[in-house]
Amino acid sequence: MAAFAWVMMGLALWHFTVFLPDRFLGGIVGAFVGALIGSVVFPFLIHGLSVPSQDETTILVAAEAIPGAVIGMAIVYWLGAREERLAGEDPELAEPA
C-alpha cells in the first residue's frame, strides 16, 4: 500500500509541471517518468530497501515521496535543459535581434 501512495504522490506533483517551461528531457512524458521513478526510489531507500506494509502506511509515509519526486523531475529537467543548450536551441542563449 505504501508503494501505491508513493506513486500517487509522484503523480500529483507531476501535474504541477505544466507551470514550468517545457525543458524536460522527453517533454511532459519525461517529467512523468522522472516523478514516478523518484517518488518510488527515494522512499524505498529511506525504508532500507523495503516497502512498509498496509498497517504501517500513514500520511507521513506518503509524504516521503515528495522529495524523491522533486529530485527526479529536477534531474530530468536538468538533462533536458543541458540537451537544449548543447544543441544551441536554448532561447536564453540566443543572440538578441
C-alpha atoms as a PDB file:
ATOM      1  CA  MET A   1       0.000   0.000   0.000  1.00  0.00           C
ATOM      2  CA  ALA A   2       2.900   2.359   0.655  1.00  0.00           C
ATOM      3  CA  ALA A   3       4.199   1.934  -2.882  1.00  0.00           C
ATOM      4  CA  PHE A   4       0.772   2.908  -4.205  1.00  0.00           C
ATOM      5  CA  ALA A   5       0.810   6.020  -2.006  1.00  0.00           C
ATOM      6  CA  TRP A   6       4.291   6.907  -3.260  1.00  0.00           C
ATOM      7  CA  VAL A   7       3.241   6.595  -6.888  1.00  0.00           C
ATOM      8  CA  MET A   8       0.114   8.670  -6.321  1.00  0.00           C
ATOM      9  CA  MET A   9       2.157  11.396  -4.615  1.00  0.00           C
ATOM     10  CA  GLY A  10       4.576  11.480  -7.550  1.00  0.00           C
ATOM     11  CA  LEU A  11       1.656  11.661  -9.970  1.00  0.00           C
ATOM     12  CA  ALA A  12       0.097  14.521  -8.003  1.00  0.00           C
ATOM     13  CA  LEU A  13       3.327  16.521  -8.036  1.00  0.00           C
ATOM     14  CA  TRP A  14       3.845  15.838 -11.741  1.00  0.00           C
ATOM     15  CA  HIS A  15       0.677  17.781 -12.503  1.00  0.00           C
ATOM     16  CA  PHE A  16       2.410  20.990 -11.398  1.00  0.00           C
ATOM     17  CA  THR A  17       4.975  20.727 -14.219  1.00  0.00           C
ATOM     18  CA  VAL A  18       2.513  22.495 -16.526  1.00  0.00           C
ATOM     19  CA  PHE A  19       3.595  25.711 -14.809  1.00  0.00           C
ATOM     20  CA  LEU A  20       7.256  25.192 -15.782  1.00  0.00           C
ATOM     21  CA  PRO A  21       8.939  25.748 -19.146  1.00  0.00           C
ATOM     22  CA  ASP A  22       8.959  22.542 -21.179  1.00  0.00           C
ATOM     23  CA  ARG A  23      12.650  21.760 -20.982  1.00  0.00           C
ATOM     24  CA  PHE A  24      12.266  18.259 -19.591  1.00  0.00           C
ATOM     25  CA  LEU A  25      14.154  15.506 -21.374  1.00  0.00           C
ATOM     26  CA  GLY A  26      11.361  13.752 -23.252  1.00  0.00           C
ATOM     27  CA  GLY A  27       8.890  16.570 -22.651  1.00  0.00           C
ATOM     28  CA  ILE A  28       5.964  16.108 -20.308  1.00  0.00           C
ATOM     29  CA  VAL A  29       6.313  12.321 -20.523  1.00  0.00           C
ATOM     30  CA  GLY A  30       9.909  12.600 -19.332  1.00  0.00           C
ATOM     31  CA  ALA A  31       8.735  14.667 -16.372  1.00  0.00           C
ATOM     32  CA  PHE A  32       6.133  11.984 -15.638  1.00  0.00           C
ATOM     33  CA  VAL A  33       8.746   9.224 -15.676  1.00  0.00           C
ATOM     34  CA  GLY A  34      11.138  11.257 -13.524  1.00  0.00           C
ATOM     35  CA  ALA A  35       8.432  11.970 -10.961  1.00  0.00           C
ATOM     36  CA  LEU A  36       7.311   8.360 -10.712  1.00  0.00           C
ATOM     37  CA  ILE A  37      10.785   6.858 -10.529  1.00  0.00           C
ATOM     38  CA  GLY A  38      11.937   9.436  -7.983  1.00  0.00           C
ATOM     39  CA  SER A  39       8.817   9.055  -5.861  1.00  0.00           C
ATOM     40  CA  VAL A  40       9.358   5.299  -5.552  1.00  0.00           C
ATOM     41  CA  VAL A  41      13.159   5.047  -5.326  1.00  0.00           C
ATOM     42  CA  PHE A  42      13.727   7.725  -2.670  1.00  0.00           C
ATOM     43  CA  PRO A  43      11.303   6.361  -0.030  1.00  0.00           C
ATOM     44  CA  PHE A  44      12.373   2.821  -0.882  1.00  0.00           C
ATOM     45  CA  LEU A  45      15.919   3.790   0.083  1.00  0.00           C
ATOM     46  CA  ILE A  46      14.709   5.584   3.215  1.00  0.00           C
ATOM     47  CA  HIS A  47      12.988   2.411   4.417  1.00  0.00           C
ATOM     48  CA  GLY A  48      16.074   0.271   3.972  1.00  0.00           C
ATOM     49  CA  LEU A  49      15.143  -1.254   0.603  1.00  0.00           C
ATOM     50  CA  SER A  50      11.749  -2.456   1.808  1.00  0.00           C
ATOM     51  CA  VAL A  51       8.164  -1.340   1.365  1.00  0.00           C
ATOM     52  CA  PRO A  52       6.072  -0.716   4.502  1.00  0.00           C
ATOM     53  CA  SER A  53       3.032  -2.936   4.923  1.00  0.00           C
ATOM     54  CA  GLN A  54      -0.552  -1.728   4.751  1.00  0.00           C
ATOM     55  CA  ASP A  55      -0.726  -1.358   8.541  1.00  0.00           C
ATOM     56  CA  GLU A  56       2.419   0.794   8.587  1.00  0.00           C
ATOM     57  CA  THR A  57       1.240   3.151   5.827  1.00  0.00           C
ATOM     58  CA  THR A  58       0.383   6.633   7.073  1.00  0.00           C
ATOM     59  CA  ILE A  59       0.154  10.086   5.553  1.00  0.00           C
ATOM     60  CA  LEU A  60       3.792  10.638   6.527  1.00  0.00           C
ATOM     61  CA  VAL A  61       4.848   7.568   4.554  1.00  0.00           C
ATOM     62  CA  ALA A  62       3.099   9.041   1.515  1.00  0.00           C
ATOM     63  CA  ALA A  63       4.773  12.410   2.129  1.00  0.00           C
ATOM     64  CA  GLU A  64       8.198  10.759   1.975  1.00  0.00           C
ATOM     65  CA  ALA A  65       7.763  10.578  -1.801  1.00  0.00           C
ATOM     66  CA  ILE A  66       7.721  14.369  -2.183  1.00  0.00           C
ATOM     67  CA  PRO A  67      11.496  14.941  -2.126  1.00  0.00           C
ATOM     68  CA  GLY A  68      12.059  11.959  -4.396  1.00  0.00           C
ATOM     69  CA  ALA A  69       9.567  13.181  -6.982  1.00  0.00           C
ATOM     70  CA  VAL A  70      11.050  16.664  -6.942  1.00  0.00           C
ATOM     71  CA  ILE A  71      14.589  15.297  -7.273  1.00  0.00           C
ATOM     72  CA  GLY A  72      13.514  13.005 -10.128  1.00  0.00           C
ATOM     73  CA  MET A  73      11.842  15.839 -12.022  1.00  0.00           C
ATOM     74  CA  ALA A  74      14.807  18.149 -11.365  1.00  0.00           C
ATOM     75  CA  ILE A  75      17.207  15.606 -12.866  1.00  0.00           C
ATOM     76  CA  VAL A  76      15.048  15.174 -15.963  1.00  0.00           C
ATOM     77  CA  TYR A  77      14.687  18.966 -16.275  1.00  0.00           C
ATOM     78  CA  TRP A  78      18.443  19.453 -15.951  1.00  0.00           C
ATOM     79  CA  LEU A  79      19.122  16.805 -18.593  1.00  0.00           C
ATOM     80  CA  GLY A  80      16.625  18.396 -20.981  1.00  0.00           C
ATOM     81  CA  ALA A  81      17.979  21.915 -20.468  1.00  0.00           C
ATOM     82  CA  ARG A  82      21.501  20.599 -20.966  1.00  0.00           C
ATOM     83  CA  GLU A  83      20.484  18.896 -24.200  1.00  0.00           C
ATOM     84  CA  GLU A  84      18.887  22.125 -25.472  1.00  0.00           C
ATOM     85  CA  ARG A  85      21.965  24.117 -24.541  1.00  0.00           C
ATOM     86  CA  LEU A  86      24.317  21.709 -26.318  1.00  0.00           C
ATOM     87  CA  ALA A  87      22.111  21.715 -29.423  1.00  0.00           C
ATOM     88  CA  GLY A  88      22.016  25.528 -29.430  1.00  0.00           C
ATOM     89  CA  GLU A  89      18.234  25.621 -29.020  1.00  0.00           C
ATOM     90  CA  ASP A  90      18.157  27.405 -25.666  1.00  0.00           C
ATOM     91  CA  PRO A  91      16.222  30.666 -26.169  1.00  0.00           C
ATOM     92  CA  GLU A  92      18.047  32.282 -23.248  1.00  0.00           C
ATOM     93  CA  LEU A  93      21.362  31.829 -25.070  1.00  0.00           C
ATOM     94  CA  ALA A  94      20.097  33.183 -28.410  1.00  0.00           C
ATOM     95  CA  GLU A  95      21.537  36.454 -29.593  1.00  0.00           C
ATOM     96  CA  PRO A  96      19.195  39.436 -29.428  1.00  0.00           C
ATOM     97  CA  ALA A  97      17.725  40.638 -32.716  1.00  0.00           C
END
